Structure formats: structure tokens, C-alpha cells
C-alpha atoms as a PDB file:
ATOM      1  CA  LYS A   1     272.584 116.433 332.681  1.00  0.00           C
ATOM      2  CA  VAL A   2     272.825 119.510 334.912  1.00  0.00           C
ATOM      3  CA  LEU A   3     276.311 120.841 335.553  1.00  0.00           C
ATOM      4  CA  ASP A   4     275.352 123.649 337.914  1.00  0.00           C
ATOM      5  CA  VAL A   5     274.917 122.437 341.501  1.00  0.00           C
ATOM      6  CA  GLU A   6     272.398 125.134 342.440  1.00  0.00           C
ATOM      7  CA  THR A   7     270.213 124.354 339.425  1.00  0.00           C
ATOM      8  CA  ALA A   8     270.378 120.626 340.160  1.00  0.00           C
ATOM      9  CA  LEU A   9     269.337 121.256 343.773  1.00  0.00           C
ATOM     10  CA  ASN A  10     266.422 123.449 342.684  1.00  0.00           C
ATOM     11  CA  LEU A  11     265.257 120.863 340.120  1.00  0.00           C
ATOM     12  CA  PHE A  12     265.372 118.118 342.758  1.00  0.00           C
ATOM     13  CA  LYS A  13     263.495 120.256 345.284  1.00  0.00           C
ATOM     14  CA  TYR A  14     260.771 121.298 342.831  1.00  0.00           C
ATOM     15  CA  SER A  15     260.309 117.800 341.418  1.00  0.00           C
ATOM     16  CA  THR A  16     259.937 116.457 344.954  1.00  0.00           C
ATOM     17  CA  ASP A  17     257.338 119.115 345.750  1.00  0.00           C
ATOM     18  CA  ILE A  18     255.382 118.477 342.523  1.00  0.00           C
ATOM     19  CA  THR A  19     255.339 114.678 342.855  1.00  0.00           C
ATOM     20  CA  GLY A  20     254.789 114.727 346.621  1.00  0.00           C
ATOM     21  CA  ALA A  21     257.640 112.290 347.136  1.00  0.00           C
ATOM     22  CA  GLU A  22     258.882 111.647 350.662  1.00  0.00           C
ATOM     23  CA  TRP A  23     262.446 110.672 351.335  1.00  0.00           C
ATOM     24  CA  PRO A  24     263.600 108.653 354.348  1.00  0.00           C
ATOM     25  CA  ASP A  25     265.938 110.294 356.850  1.00  0.00           C
ATOM     26  CA  LEU A  26     269.623 109.688 356.337  1.00  0.00           C
ATOM     27  CA  LYS A  27     271.238 107.206 358.684  1.00  0.00           C
ATOM     28  CA  ALA A  28     274.890 106.696 359.399  1.00  0.00           C
ATOM     29  CA  ILE A  29     276.235 103.680 357.591  1.00  0.00           C
ATOM     30  CA  THR A  30     277.363 100.941 359.948  1.00  0.00           C
ATOM     31  CA  SER A  31     279.146  97.825 358.928  1.00  0.00           C
ATOM     32  CA  PRO A  32     277.354  94.549 359.612  1.00  0.00           C
ATOM     33  CA  CYS A  33     280.716  92.834 359.886  1.00  0.00           C
ATOM     34  CA  PRO A  34     281.482  91.995 363.552  1.00  0.00           C
ATOM     35  CA  THR A  35     285.178  91.710 362.764  1.00  0.00           C
ATOM     36  CA  LEU A  36     285.406  95.458 362.138  1.00  0.00           C
ATOM     37  CA  ASN A  37     283.764  96.116 365.507  1.00  0.00           C
ATOM     38  CA  VAL A  38     286.353  93.913 367.220  1.00  0.00           C
ATOM     39  CA  ILE A  39     289.216  95.595 365.379  1.00  0.00           C
ATOM     40  CA  SER A  40     287.845  98.996 366.361  1.00  0.00           C
ATOM     41  CA  ALA A  41     287.624  98.013 370.036  1.00  0.00           C
ATOM     42  CA  VAL A  42     291.162  96.579 370.038  1.00  0.00           C
ATOM     43  CA  THR A  43     292.546  99.673 368.332  1.00  0.00           C
ATOM     44  CA  LYS A  44     290.818 101.933 370.842  1.00  0.00           C
ATOM     45  CA  GLY A  45     292.341  99.946 373.722  1.00  0.00           C
ATOM     46  CA  MET A  46     295.805 100.106 372.181  1.00  0.00           C
ATOM     47  CA  VAL A  47     295.553 103.873 371.731  1.00  0.00           C
ATOM     48  CA  GLN A  48     294.515 104.271 375.386  1.00  0.00           C
ATOM     49  CA  ARG A  49     297.477 102.164 376.510  1.00  0.00           C
ATOM     50  CA  GLU A  50     299.903 104.185 374.411  1.00  0.00           C
ATOM     51  CA  GLU A  51     298.451 107.417 375.781  1.00  0.00           C
ATOM     52  CA  LEU A  52     298.811 106.169 379.379  1.00  0.00           C
ATOM     53  CA  LYS A  53     302.389 105.141 378.659  1.00  0.00           C
ATOM     54  CA  ARG A  54     303.160 108.543 377.161  1.00  0.00           C
ATOM     55  CA  MET A  55     301.614 110.320 380.123  1.00  0.00           C
ATOM     56  CA  ARG A  56     303.572 108.125 382.539  1.00  0.00           C
ATOM     57  CA  GLU A  57     306.901 108.768 380.811  1.00  0.00           C
ATOM     58  CA  LEU A  58     306.541 112.429 379.902  1.00  0.00           C
ATOM     59  CA  GLY A  59     304.091 113.684 382.482  1.00  0.00           C
ATOM     60  CA  ARG A  60     301.341 116.059 381.624  1.00  0.00           C
ATOM     61  CA  PRO A  61     302.180 118.642 378.992  1.00  0.00           C
ATOM     62  CA  GLY A  62     302.790 122.080 380.446  1.00  0.00           C
ATOM     63  CA  ILE A  63     302.833 120.865 384.042  1.00  0.00           C
ATOM     64  CA  VAL A  64     306.025 119.855 385.763  1.00  0.00           C
ATOM     65  CA  LEU A  65     305.380 117.109 388.271  1.00  0.00           C
ATOM     66  CA  GLU A  66     307.759 114.854 390.137  1.00  0.00           C
ATOM     67  CA  ARG A  67     305.856 111.751 389.089  1.00  0.00           C
ATOM     68  CA  PRO A  68     302.244 111.540 388.037  1.00  0.00           C
ATOM     69  CA  LYS A  69     300.163 109.303 390.299  1.00  0.00           C
ATOM     70  CA  ILE A  70     298.636 106.397 388.459  1.00  0.00           C
ATOM     71  CA  SER A  71     295.655 104.520 389.858  1.00  0.00           C
ATOM     72  CA  LYS A  72     295.666 100.759 390.228  1.00  0.00           C
ATOM     73  CA  ARG A  73     293.097 100.506 387.435  1.00  0.00           C
ATOM     74  CA  LYS A  74     295.343 102.404 385.014  1.00  0.00           C
ATOM     75  CA  LYS A  75     298.335 100.287 386.038  1.00  0.00           C
ATOM     76  CA  ALA A  76     296.327  97.148 385.290  1.00  0.00           C
ATOM     77  CA  VAL A  77     295.441  98.496 381.850  1.00  0.00           C
ATOM     78  CA  MET A  78     299.099  99.163 381.051  1.00  0.00           C
ATOM     79  CA  VAL A  79     300.135  95.578 381.778  1.00  0.00           C
END
């Protein structure tokens, strides 16, 4: 058991070189569960709606406007 991280890294590197081992590239882990994809999409939509609502009520931060103009598409999303 090696407690020093640098020594462990060197041992791994040298043993890989000596044995000629090849390691596959790392890939991001994705969930195979379609339910999590649906939940993610719904959450993203809810966050966008809340952000549009905040922008409509408070206006843009740092800019004083009478009323921000909202496109028909954004109005449809808010409903």
C-alpha cells in the first residue's frame, strides 16, 4: 500500500511502461435511465420559465427600463 500520491503515480506510470499496457480513454458517465433525461429536461424548462418571470418582474439588472419587451415566443413559454 502506497500512501504517497506522487510515489503511487510514478509506480503506476512505470508499471504501465514496463508491461506495455494501454488504457482506454476516459468517457463521461451517462445514465442509461431515460427517466433522468426527462427529469433533466423538465428541470431545465422550469428554470428557464423562472428566469423569464424574474426578468419580466424585475427587469434587467443594472438597467432601468420602463418595461422589458417580451417576444411572443417567450410569452408562450411563460404560460
